[in-house]
N, C-alpha and C. Protein backbone atom coordinates (compact mmCIF):
# COMPACT_ATOMS: atom_id res chain seq x y z
N UNK A 1 1.80 -8.08 17.74
CA UNK A 1 2.66 -9.12 17.22
C UNK A 1 3.52 -9.63 18.36
N UNK A 2 3.56 -10.93 18.49
CA UNK A 2 4.41 -11.55 19.51
C UNK A 2 5.72 -11.98 18.87
N UNK A 3 6.81 -11.67 19.53
CA UNK A 3 8.13 -11.99 19.00
C UNK A 3 8.89 -12.80 20.05
N UNK A 4 9.60 -13.81 19.58
CA UNK A 4 10.43 -14.62 20.47
C UNK A 4 11.79 -14.83 19.84
N UNK A 5 12.83 -14.54 20.62
CA UNK A 5 14.20 -14.81 20.21
C UNK A 5 14.50 -16.26 20.58
N UNK A 6 14.65 -17.10 19.56
CA UNK A 6 14.85 -18.53 19.82
C UNK A 6 16.15 -18.83 20.56
N UNK A 7 17.19 -18.03 20.35
CA UNK A 7 18.47 -18.29 21.01
C UNK A 7 18.41 -18.01 22.50
N UNK A 8 17.73 -16.94 22.90
CA UNK A 8 17.69 -16.57 24.31
C UNK A 8 16.33 -16.82 24.95
N UNK A 9 15.36 -17.25 24.15
CA UNK A 9 13.98 -17.48 24.61
C UNK A 9 13.34 -16.21 25.17
N UNK A 10 13.83 -15.07 24.74
CA UNK A 10 13.25 -13.80 25.16
C UNK A 10 11.98 -13.55 24.36
N UNK A 11 10.91 -13.18 25.05
CA UNK A 11 9.63 -12.90 24.40
C UNK A 11 9.19 -11.48 24.72
N UNK A 12 8.56 -10.85 23.72
CA UNK A 12 7.97 -9.55 23.97
C UNK A 12 6.85 -9.31 22.96
N UNK A 13 6.01 -8.34 23.28
CA UNK A 13 4.88 -7.99 22.43
C UNK A 13 5.18 -6.66 21.77
N UNK A 14 5.02 -6.60 20.46
CA UNK A 14 5.24 -5.39 19.68
C UNK A 14 3.87 -4.84 19.29
N UNK A 15 3.57 -3.62 19.74
CA UNK A 15 2.28 -2.99 19.44
C UNK A 15 2.53 -1.67 18.74
N UNK A 16 1.89 -1.48 17.60
CA UNK A 16 2.04 -0.25 16.84
C UNK A 16 0.66 0.35 16.55
N UNK A 17 0.22 1.27 17.39
CA UNK A 17 -1.11 1.88 17.14
C UNK A 17 -1.04 2.86 15.98
N UNK A 18 -2.08 2.89 15.19
CA UNK A 18 -2.18 3.86 14.11
C UNK A 18 -3.65 4.08 13.75
N UNK A 19 -3.91 5.19 13.13
CA UNK A 19 -5.26 5.53 12.70
C UNK A 19 -5.43 5.07 11.26
N UNK A 20 -6.49 4.32 11.02
CA UNK A 20 -6.76 3.85 9.67
C UNK A 20 -7.60 4.89 8.94
N UNK A 21 -7.43 4.94 7.63
CA UNK A 21 -8.17 5.90 6.83
C UNK A 21 -8.55 5.24 5.52
N UNK A 22 -9.76 5.50 5.07
CA UNK A 22 -10.21 5.01 3.77
C UNK A 22 -9.78 6.01 2.70
N UNK A 23 -9.06 5.53 1.70
CA UNK A 23 -8.63 6.37 0.59
C UNK A 23 -9.45 6.00 -0.64
N UNK A 24 -10.11 6.98 -1.23
CA UNK A 24 -10.79 6.76 -2.49
C UNK A 24 -9.76 6.81 -3.60
N UNK A 25 -9.99 6.04 -4.66
CA UNK A 25 -8.98 5.86 -5.69
C UNK A 25 -8.57 7.18 -6.34
N UNK A 26 -9.53 8.02 -6.70
CA UNK A 26 -9.20 9.30 -7.34
C UNK A 26 -8.40 10.19 -6.40
N UNK A 27 -8.75 10.17 -5.13
CA UNK A 27 -8.02 10.94 -4.12
C UNK A 27 -6.59 10.41 -3.97
N UNK A 28 -6.45 9.10 -3.95
CA UNK A 28 -5.13 8.48 -3.84
C UNK A 28 -4.25 8.84 -5.04
N UNK A 29 -4.81 8.77 -6.25
CA UNK A 29 -4.04 9.12 -7.45
C UNK A 29 -3.59 10.57 -7.42
N UNK A 30 -4.47 11.46 -6.98
CA UNK A 30 -4.11 12.88 -6.91
C UNK A 30 -2.99 13.11 -5.90
N UNK A 31 -3.12 12.53 -4.71
CA UNK A 31 -2.10 12.73 -3.67
C UNK A 31 -0.75 12.12 -4.07
N UNK A 32 -0.78 10.95 -4.68
CA UNK A 32 0.48 10.34 -5.09
C UNK A 32 1.13 11.15 -6.21
N UNK A 33 0.34 11.64 -7.14
CA UNK A 33 0.86 12.47 -8.24
C UNK A 33 1.48 13.75 -7.69
N UNK A 34 0.81 14.39 -6.72
CA UNK A 34 1.35 15.60 -6.10
C UNK A 34 2.66 15.33 -5.36
N UNK A 35 2.85 14.10 -4.89
CA UNK A 35 4.08 13.72 -4.20
C UNK A 35 5.19 13.27 -5.14
N UNK A 36 4.91 13.30 -6.46
CA UNK A 36 5.93 12.93 -7.42
C UNK A 36 5.96 11.45 -7.78
N UNK A 37 4.87 10.74 -7.51
CA UNK A 37 4.80 9.32 -7.81
C UNK A 37 3.88 9.06 -8.99
N UNK A 38 4.15 7.98 -9.71
CA UNK A 38 3.33 7.54 -10.83
C UNK A 38 2.83 6.14 -10.51
N UNK A 39 1.54 5.90 -10.71
CA UNK A 39 0.97 4.58 -10.50
C UNK A 39 1.38 3.69 -11.66
N UNK A 40 2.09 2.60 -11.36
CA UNK A 40 2.62 1.71 -12.40
C UNK A 40 1.82 0.43 -12.55
N UNK A 41 1.26 -0.11 -11.47
CA UNK A 41 0.52 -1.37 -11.55
C UNK A 41 -0.40 -1.51 -10.35
N UNK A 42 -1.45 -2.31 -10.54
CA UNK A 42 -2.40 -2.62 -9.47
C UNK A 42 -2.64 -4.12 -9.50
N UNK A 43 -2.60 -4.73 -8.31
CA UNK A 43 -2.87 -6.15 -8.17
C UNK A 43 -3.99 -6.34 -7.15
N UNK A 44 -4.82 -7.38 -7.34
CA UNK A 44 -5.86 -7.68 -6.36
C UNK A 44 -5.30 -8.60 -5.27
N UNK A 45 -6.18 -9.04 -4.36
CA UNK A 45 -5.72 -9.85 -3.22
C UNK A 45 -5.20 -11.21 -3.65
N UNK A 46 -5.49 -11.63 -4.90
CA UNK A 46 -4.96 -12.89 -5.44
C UNK A 46 -3.70 -12.66 -6.27
N UNK A 47 -3.16 -11.45 -6.21
CA UNK A 47 -1.95 -11.04 -6.93
C UNK A 47 -2.12 -11.12 -8.45
N UNK A 48 -3.35 -10.85 -8.91
CA UNK A 48 -3.64 -10.80 -10.33
C UNK A 48 -3.58 -9.35 -10.78
N UNK A 49 -2.93 -9.10 -11.89
CA UNK A 49 -2.79 -7.74 -12.42
C UNK A 49 -4.15 -7.19 -12.84
N UNK A 50 -4.44 -5.95 -12.45
CA UNK A 50 -5.68 -5.28 -12.81
C UNK A 50 -5.33 -4.11 -13.71
N UNK A 51 -6.06 -3.93 -14.82
CA UNK A 51 -5.79 -2.77 -15.68
C UNK A 51 -5.95 -1.46 -14.91
N UNK A 52 -5.07 -0.51 -15.17
CA UNK A 52 -5.07 0.76 -14.43
C UNK A 52 -6.37 1.54 -14.60
N UNK A 53 -7.08 1.33 -15.70
CA UNK A 53 -8.30 2.11 -15.94
C UNK A 53 -9.58 1.39 -15.52
N UNK A 54 -9.47 0.28 -14.80
CA UNK A 54 -10.68 -0.46 -14.43
C UNK A 54 -10.73 -0.78 -12.94
N UNK A 55 -10.31 0.15 -12.12
CA UNK A 55 -10.27 -0.08 -10.67
C UNK A 55 -11.60 0.32 -10.05
N UNK A 56 -12.12 -0.55 -9.19
CA UNK A 56 -13.32 -0.21 -8.44
C UNK A 56 -12.90 0.32 -7.07
N UNK A 57 -13.85 0.84 -6.33
CA UNK A 57 -13.56 1.40 -5.01
C UNK A 57 -13.57 0.35 -3.91
N UNK A 58 -13.80 -0.92 -4.24
CA UNK A 58 -13.88 -1.93 -3.19
C UNK A 58 -12.81 -3.00 -3.38
N UNK A 59 -12.55 -3.73 -2.32
CA UNK A 59 -11.58 -4.81 -2.38
C UNK A 59 -10.20 -4.38 -1.91
N UNK A 60 -9.41 -5.37 -1.56
CA UNK A 60 -8.03 -5.12 -1.15
C UNK A 60 -7.16 -5.06 -2.40
N UNK A 61 -6.48 -3.97 -2.57
CA UNK A 61 -5.63 -3.79 -3.75
C UNK A 61 -4.21 -3.46 -3.33
N UNK A 62 -3.25 -3.92 -4.11
CA UNK A 62 -1.85 -3.58 -3.93
C UNK A 62 -1.47 -2.63 -5.05
N UNK A 63 -1.05 -1.43 -4.68
CA UNK A 63 -0.73 -0.39 -5.65
C UNK A 63 0.78 -0.23 -5.74
N UNK A 64 1.31 -0.28 -6.96
CA UNK A 64 2.75 -0.16 -7.20
C UNK A 64 3.01 1.25 -7.71
N UNK A 65 3.81 1.99 -6.96
CA UNK A 65 4.14 3.38 -7.32
C UNK A 65 5.62 3.49 -7.66
N UNK A 66 5.94 4.44 -8.51
CA UNK A 66 7.33 4.72 -8.84
C UNK A 66 7.57 6.21 -8.66
N UNK A 67 8.63 6.55 -7.98
CA UNK A 67 8.99 7.96 -7.79
C UNK A 67 9.59 8.48 -9.08
N UNK A 68 9.05 9.56 -9.58
CA UNK A 68 9.51 10.17 -10.82
C UNK A 68 10.13 11.52 -10.49
N UNK A 69 11.21 11.85 -11.16
CA UNK A 69 11.85 13.15 -10.89
C UNK A 69 11.01 14.28 -11.50
N UNK A 70 10.34 13.99 -12.61
CA UNK A 70 9.47 14.98 -13.25
C UNK A 70 8.30 14.26 -13.89
N UNK A 71 7.09 14.66 -13.54
CA UNK A 71 5.89 14.02 -14.06
C UNK A 71 5.24 14.96 -15.07
N UNK A 72 4.91 14.43 -16.24
CA UNK A 72 4.25 15.23 -17.26
C UNK A 72 2.76 15.23 -17.07
């Protein structure tokens, strides 16, 4: 990402290396549940709501999680 401060015309490059990982949906749900989170909503890349029980393993999805103090 290139950043420029318009007031001082200072420019610099911001680089953040990271390792990408593919998360399968069932694995993601288990890990989030173990961390105390509940899956509240799923949206596709067009920001359309997807039912929680009809998620496929493909496509870009936005997952909305809520931290719960106690999960049943």
